[in-house]
Amino acid sequence: MPSITTGALSVALGGVPILHGVDLDIAEGEWINIIGPNGSGKTTLLRSLLGTIGHEGRIEIGGVVIDKPQDRARVLAYVPQSPVIPPGMYVVDYVMLGRTPHRGVFGRDTDTDVAVAIDVLNRLDLAGFVEREVRSLSGGERQRVVLARALAQQADILLLDEPTTALDLGHQQDVLDLVDGLRRERGLTVIATLHDLTLAARYGDRIALLADGRIVVSGAPAEVLTAEVIAEHFGATVRIIDEPDGPVIVPATPDRSPR
């Protein structure tokens, strides 16, 4: 059963068309990575799925159209690329915001809410930061806190907009391994945008290339990430190294040998 289906999804922002008739079926429990050059509409696609911007066309979640924001928040969790962090917000309080869809804005935290938050903080190596202000953290630490809030939602579908931004290599792997582990453990559906094409190939089941607001190709990483496709849509010359875990994309350096 499709977890998310879009039909002829189109979005215009400020009168400027961004998405043009996007048709996409994402299976329950699937991890799909959306790649594409800057300005191709990746973030707009995630925000339209989240319901925070208007759209034309059809978006079905679990086979139905969900209009109410709180109902969407119970099934969709979002990690934005540039989150807005309120001043004076402590890590523990920010992560607890992820429990809001389950208890309401003015509801009291339950033992379950606290247990979920503690588990997520421990998994993301953030237990020592609970009494720190979020704004006082480094970019990478802050990114993990934002992911923790989303995971505390315990939603069935996780939307990740450049989740490895500002993370060092070790924490990039930690975060993506954690997401993959939770996906297998809880049957999560994951939709992520990634600039790093090698990471996009190593994590997830499928890649969809978005260009000029349209899905131009979708399939297994080895099918999508070819030198020809990357040259056409990213304007980059690369070498593809085939490895068992997926292709590695390496910039092709020009020949600088003396003539």
Protein backbone atom coordinates (compact mmCIF):
# COMPACT_ATOMS: atom_id res chain seq x y z
CA MET A 1 0.00 0.00 0.00
CA PRO A 2 1.40 3.42 -0.87
CA SER A 3 2.29 5.48 2.17
CA ILE A 4 2.20 8.68 0.12
CA THR A 5 0.81 9.29 -3.36
CA THR A 6 0.97 12.55 -5.27
CA GLY A 7 -0.93 13.14 -8.47
CA ALA A 8 -0.29 16.11 -10.75
CA LEU A 9 1.17 17.97 -7.75
CA SER A 10 1.93 21.57 -8.66
CA VAL A 11 3.08 24.46 -6.48
CA ALA A 12 3.62 28.14 -7.19
CA LEU A 13 5.22 30.49 -4.67
CA GLY A 14 4.72 34.22 -5.10
CA GLY A 15 3.27 33.55 -8.52
CA VAL A 16 6.39 31.63 -9.61
CA PRO A 17 5.80 27.97 -10.57
CA ILE A 18 8.07 25.64 -8.57
CA LEU A 19 6.60 22.14 -9.02
CA HIS A 20 4.97 21.00 -12.25
CA GLY A 21 2.68 17.97 -12.11
CA VAL A 22 4.73 15.71 -9.83
CA ASP A 23 3.47 12.11 -9.76
CA LEU A 24 5.08 10.01 -7.06
CA ASP A 25 4.16 6.80 -5.23
CA ILE A 26 6.11 6.01 -2.06
CA ALA A 27 5.50 2.62 -0.51
CA GLU A 28 4.93 2.03 3.16
CA GLY A 29 8.30 1.43 4.82
CA GLU A 30 10.28 2.70 1.83
CA TRP A 31 13.19 5.15 2.03
CA ILE A 32 13.37 7.41 -1.00
CA ASN A 33 15.97 10.12 -1.50
CA ILE A 34 15.06 13.18 -3.55
CA ILE A 35 18.07 14.67 -5.31
CA GLY A 36 18.43 17.54 -7.74
CA PRO A 37 20.30 20.78 -8.40
CA ASN A 38 19.72 23.89 -6.31
CA GLY A 39 16.34 25.45 -7.00
CA SER A 40 14.82 22.27 -8.43
CA GLY A 41 12.00 22.24 -5.85
CA LYS A 42 13.16 19.60 -3.33
CA THR A 43 12.26 21.57 -0.18
CA THR A 44 9.01 22.76 -1.77
CA LEU A 45 8.04 19.14 -2.40
CA LEU A 46 8.58 18.23 1.26
CA ARG A 47 6.67 21.29 2.47
CA SER A 48 3.75 20.49 0.22
CA LEU A 49 3.61 16.95 1.64
CA LEU A 50 3.71 18.47 5.12
CA GLY A 51 0.80 20.75 4.24
CA THR A 52 2.50 24.04 5.11
CA ILE A 53 2.15 25.50 1.60
CA GLY A 54 -0.72 25.46 -0.85
CA HIS A 55 -0.75 23.18 -3.86
CA GLU A 56 -2.79 21.96 -6.77
CA GLY A 57 -3.25 18.28 -7.47
CA ARG A 58 -3.63 15.37 -5.09
CA ILE A 59 -1.72 14.29 -1.98
CA GLU A 60 -2.89 11.11 -0.28
CA ILE A 61 -1.38 9.76 2.92
CA GLY A 62 -2.19 6.15 3.63
CA GLY A 63 -4.77 6.26 0.87
CA VAL A 64 -6.70 9.27 2.18
CA VAL A 65 -6.49 13.05 2.00
CA ILE A 66 -5.60 14.56 5.39
CA ASP A 67 -6.49 18.23 5.71
CA LYS A 68 -6.23 19.00 9.44
CA PRO A 69 -2.69 20.08 10.50
CA GLN A 70 -2.79 18.16 13.80
CA ASP A 71 -3.89 14.98 12.03
CA ARG A 72 -0.98 15.35 9.60
CA ALA A 73 1.42 15.96 12.50
CA ARG A 74 0.49 12.57 13.96
CA VAL A 75 1.67 10.79 10.82
CA LEU A 76 4.28 13.18 9.38
CA ALA A 77 7.40 14.46 11.16
CA TYR A 78 9.62 17.05 9.49
CA VAL A 79 13.27 17.99 9.90
CA PRO A 80 13.76 21.33 8.10
CA GLN A 81 17.05 22.39 6.60
CA SER A 82 17.02 25.74 8.43
CA PRO A 83 14.88 25.35 11.57
CA VAL A 84 13.64 28.36 13.52
CA ILE A 85 14.75 27.96 17.14
CA PRO A 86 12.97 30.20 19.70
CA PRO A 87 15.42 32.12 21.92
CA GLY A 88 15.86 30.69 25.41
CA MET A 89 14.60 27.24 24.39
CA TYR A 90 16.32 24.39 26.23
CA VAL A 91 17.12 21.13 24.47
CA VAL A 92 14.76 19.02 26.57
CA ASP A 93 11.87 21.45 26.05
CA TYR A 94 12.49 21.60 22.31
CA VAL A 95 12.53 17.82 21.97
CA MET A 96 9.33 17.58 24.01
CA LEU A 97 7.63 19.73 21.36
CA GLY A 98 7.63 16.59 19.27
CA ARG A 99 5.03 15.14 21.63
CA THR A 100 2.54 17.99 21.03
CA PRO A 101 0.44 16.17 18.40
CA HIS A 102 -0.22 13.39 20.92
CA ARG A 103 -1.18 15.52 23.94
CA GLY A 104 -2.34 18.84 22.48
CA VAL A 105 -0.76 22.28 22.87
CA PHE A 106 -1.95 22.73 26.46
CA GLY A 107 -1.80 19.10 27.55
CA ARG A 108 0.53 17.95 30.31
CA ASP A 109 3.53 15.76 29.65
CA THR A 110 2.87 12.13 30.49
CA ASP A 111 5.35 9.50 31.63
CA THR A 112 5.22 8.12 28.10
CA ASP A 113 6.11 11.52 26.62
CA VAL A 114 9.12 11.82 28.90
CA ALA A 115 10.26 8.25 28.24
CA VAL A 116 10.09 8.76 24.47
CA ALA A 117 12.09 12.00 24.69
CA ILE A 118 14.77 10.43 26.91
CA ASP A 119 15.13 7.46 24.56
CA VAL A 120 15.59 9.71 21.53
CA LEU A 121 18.09 11.96 23.33
CA ASN A 122 20.14 8.92 24.31
CA ARG A 123 20.08 7.47 20.81
CA LEU A 124 21.35 10.74 19.34
CA ASP A 125 24.06 11.18 21.99
CA LEU A 126 22.34 14.30 23.39
CA ALA A 127 21.70 13.28 26.99
CA GLY A 128 24.43 15.64 28.21
CA PHE A 129 22.79 18.62 26.50
CA VAL A 130 19.29 18.56 28.03
CA GLU A 131 19.82 21.73 30.10
CA ARG A 132 21.66 23.63 27.35
CA GLU A 133 19.97 26.30 25.25
CA VAL A 134 19.54 25.03 21.70
CA ARG A 135 20.98 28.25 20.27
CA SER A 136 24.18 27.76 22.27
CA LEU A 137 25.00 24.52 20.47
CA SER A 138 27.17 24.04 17.42
CA GLY A 139 25.51 23.62 14.05
CA GLY A 140 25.92 19.85 14.11
CA GLU A 141 24.63 19.51 17.67
CA ARG A 142 21.65 21.70 16.84
CA GLN A 143 20.87 19.56 13.80
CA ARG A 144 20.75 16.45 15.98
CA VAL A 145 18.40 18.21 18.41
CA VAL A 146 16.03 19.08 15.55
CA LEU A 147 16.10 15.44 14.42
CA ALA A 148 15.41 14.36 18.02
CA ARG A 149 12.28 16.51 18.12
CA ALA A 150 11.03 14.92 14.91
CA LEU A 151 11.76 11.38 16.12
CA ALA A 152 9.96 12.11 19.40
CA GLN A 153 6.80 12.61 17.33
CA GLN A 154 6.81 8.87 16.61
CA ALA A 155 5.19 9.58 13.25
CA ASP A 156 4.96 6.88 10.59
CA ILE A 157 6.48 9.12 7.89
CA LEU A 158 9.69 11.07 8.34
CA LEU A 159 10.51 14.00 6.05
CA LEU A 160 14.19 14.98 6.15
CA ASP A 161 15.42 18.12 4.38
CA GLU A 162 19.21 17.85 4.16
CA PRO A 163 19.48 16.06 7.54
CA THR A 164 23.29 15.89 7.41
CA THR A 165 23.82 19.64 6.98
CA ALA A 166 26.54 20.91 9.39
CA LEU A 167 27.33 17.39 10.60
CA ASP A 168 30.84 15.96 10.51
CA LEU A 169 31.39 12.67 8.69
CA GLY A 170 31.03 10.54 11.81
CA HIS A 171 27.75 12.12 12.86
CA GLN A 172 26.44 11.97 9.27
CA GLN A 173 26.81 8.21 9.42
CA ASP A 174 25.43 8.04 12.98
CA VAL A 175 22.30 10.01 12.09
CA LEU A 176 21.56 8.13 8.87
CA ASP A 177 22.29 4.76 10.51
CA LEU A 178 19.90 5.70 13.33
CA VAL A 179 17.16 6.66 10.88
CA ASP A 180 17.70 3.42 8.97
CA GLY A 181 17.58 1.39 12.18
CA LEU A 182 14.36 3.07 13.31
CA ARG A 183 12.87 2.56 9.87
CA ARG A 184 13.47 -1.17 10.07
CA GLU A 185 12.43 -1.35 13.72
CA ARG A 186 9.21 0.66 13.38
CA GLY A 187 8.42 0.40 9.68
CA LEU A 188 8.97 4.10 9.05
CA THR A 189 8.60 5.63 5.62
CA VAL A 190 11.49 8.04 4.97
CA ILE A 191 11.58 10.81 2.38
CA ALA A 192 14.86 12.73 2.40
CA THR A 193 16.52 15.39 0.30
CA LEU A 194 20.29 15.03 0.05
CA HIS A 195 23.01 16.98 -1.75
CA ASP A 196 25.64 14.30 -1.12
CA LEU A 197 25.00 11.85 -3.94
CA THR A 198 27.15 9.11 -2.42
CA LEU A 199 25.13 9.25 0.81
CA ALA A 200 21.95 9.22 -1.26
CA ALA A 201 23.19 6.03 -2.92
CA ARG A 202 24.28 4.34 0.33
CA TYR A 203 21.12 4.98 2.32
CA GLY A 204 17.62 4.23 1.16
CA ASP A 205 15.92 2.07 -1.43
CA ARG A 206 15.29 4.44 -4.31
CA ILE A 207 16.35 7.79 -5.71
CA ALA A 208 14.14 10.29 -7.52
CA LEU A 209 15.82 13.09 -9.46
CA LEU A 210 13.91 16.37 -9.41
CA ALA A 211 14.85 18.93 -12.06
CA ASP A 212 12.96 22.07 -13.05
CA GLY A 213 10.11 21.06 -10.77
CA ARG A 214 9.59 17.63 -12.37
CA ILE A 215 10.63 14.08 -11.52
CA VAL A 216 12.82 13.22 -14.52
CA VAL A 217 14.06 9.78 -13.42
CA SER A 218 13.40 7.44 -10.51
CA GLY A 219 14.87 4.06 -9.64
CA ALA A 220 17.64 2.20 -7.86
CA PRO A 221 20.78 4.27 -7.12
CA ALA A 222 22.86 2.51 -9.79
CA GLU A 223 20.19 3.27 -12.40
CA VAL A 224 19.83 6.96 -11.54
CA LEU A 225 23.36 7.96 -10.58
CA THR A 226 25.17 7.62 -13.87
CA ALA A 227 27.85 9.97 -15.15
CA GLU A 228 25.56 10.96 -18.03
CA VAL A 229 22.58 11.82 -15.79
CA ILE A 230 24.75 13.80 -13.37
CA ALA A 231 26.41 15.72 -16.20
CA GLU A 232 23.05 16.59 -17.75
CA HIS A 233 21.25 17.76 -14.61
CA PHE A 234 24.05 18.90 -12.29
CA GLY A 235 26.53 20.17 -14.86
CA ALA A 236 29.28 18.13 -13.18
CA THR A 237 31.84 15.73 -14.59
CA VAL A 238 32.21 12.72 -12.29
CA ARG A 239 33.53 9.19 -12.10
CA ILE A 240 31.30 6.42 -10.75
CA ILE A 241 32.99 3.77 -8.62
CA ASP A 242 30.79 0.70 -8.21
CA GLU A 243 30.94 -0.85 -4.75
CA PRO A 244 28.74 -3.47 -3.05
CA ASP A 245 27.11 -0.85 -0.80
CA GLY A 246 26.27 1.39 -3.73
CA PRO A 247 27.99 3.69 -6.21
CA VAL A 248 30.53 6.26 -5.06
CA ILE A 249 30.47 9.54 -6.95
CA VAL A 250 33.85 11.20 -7.34
CA PRO A 251 34.52 14.52 -9.11
CA ALA A 252 36.61 13.92 -12.21
CA THR A 253 39.73 16.07 -12.00
CA PRO A 254 41.17 17.46 -15.24
CA ASP A 255 44.42 16.09 -16.58
CA ARG A 256 47.14 18.45 -15.34
CA SER A 257 50.09 16.46 -16.63
CA PRO A 258 52.64 18.44 -18.74
CA ARG A 259 51.98 18.26 -22.43
